[in-house]
C-alpha atoms as a PDB file:
ATOM      1  CA  MET A   1      13.299 -83.444-111.465  1.00  0.00           C
ATOM      2  CA  GLY A   2      10.583 -80.826-111.265  1.00  0.00           C
ATOM      3  CA  VAL A   3       9.546 -78.194-113.747  1.00  0.00           C
ATOM      4  CA  LEU A   4      11.637 -75.539-111.978  1.00  0.00           C
ATOM      5  CA  GLY A   5      14.786 -77.644-112.189  1.00  0.00           C
ATOM      6  CA  ALA A   6      14.220 -78.350-115.877  1.00  0.00           C
ATOM      7  CA  ARG A   7      13.599 -74.686-116.585  1.00  0.00           C
ATOM      8  CA  ARG A   8      16.751 -73.679-114.711  1.00  0.00           C
ATOM      9  CA  MET A   9      18.795 -76.264-116.607  1.00  0.00           C
ATOM     10  CA  TYR A  10      17.310 -75.084-119.899  1.00  0.00           C
ATOM     11  CA  ARG A  11      18.267 -71.496-119.080  1.00  0.00           C
ATOM     12  CA  ARG A  12      21.813 -72.573-118.230  1.00  0.00           C
ATOM     13  CA  VAL A  13      22.139 -74.467-121.521  1.00  0.00           C
ATOM     14  CA  GLN A  14      20.743 -71.448-123.363  1.00  0.00           C
ATOM     15  CA  TYR A  15      23.322 -69.197-121.670  1.00  0.00           C
ATOM     16  CA  LEU A  16      26.201 -71.559-122.467  1.00  0.00           C
ATOM     17  CA  LEU A  17      25.111 -71.731-126.106  1.00  0.00           C
ATOM     18  CA  ASP A  18      24.888 -67.942-126.285  1.00  0.00           C
ATOM     19  CA  VAL A  19      28.366 -67.459-124.806  1.00  0.00           C
ATOM     20  CA  GLY A  20      29.800 -70.220-126.985  1.00  0.00           C
ATOM     21  CA  VAL A  21      28.386 -68.720-130.159  1.00  0.00           C
ATOM     22  CA  ARG A  22      29.690 -65.278-129.217  1.00  0.00           C
ATOM     23  CA  ASN A  23      33.169 -66.646-128.459  1.00  0.00           C
ATOM     24  CA  LEU A  24      33.154 -68.605-131.720  1.00  0.00           C
ATOM     25  CA  ALA A  25      32.182 -65.470-133.658  1.00  0.00           C
ATOM     26  CA  ASP A  26      34.987 -63.496-132.003  1.00  0.00           C
ATOM     27  CA  TRP A  27      37.480 -66.274-132.777  1.00  0.00           C
ATOM     28  CA  VAL A  28      36.386 -66.506-136.419  1.00  0.00           C
ATOM     29  CA  GLU A  29      36.632 -62.738-136.775  1.00  0.00           C
ATOM     30  CA  SER A  30      40.134 -62.553-135.284  1.00  0.00           C
ATOM     31  CA  SER A  31      41.250 -65.562-137.362  1.00  0.00           C
ATOM     32  CA  ALA A  32      39.933 -63.942-140.538  1.00  0.00           C
ATOM     33  CA  ARG A  33      41.689 -60.699-139.605  1.00  0.00           C
ATOM     34  CA  SER A  34      45.049 -62.429-139.052  1.00  0.00           C
ATOM     35  CA  LEU A  35      44.625 -64.413-142.284  1.00  0.00           C
ATOM     36  CA  ARG A  36      43.940 -61.191-144.153  1.00  0.00           C
ATOM     37  CA  LYS A  37      47.055 -59.676-142.556  1.00  0.00           C
ATOM     38  CA  TYR A  38      49.134 -62.582-143.854  1.00  0.00           C
ATOM     39  CA  ASP A  39      47.650 -62.124-147.319  1.00  0.00           C
ATOM     40  CA  LEU A  40      48.567 -58.448-147.353  1.00  0.00           C
ATOM     41  CA  GLU A  41      52.200 -59.047-146.387  1.00  0.00           C
END
């Protein structure tokens, strides 16, 4: 595997991590919101 292939793979991993972290943050936020809703009721 050449340098270009490694760099492309690295960028793809970076992108997947970024999307995963963003999705996780959204999920945590919505979970916290629904938990808070249950607490209020």
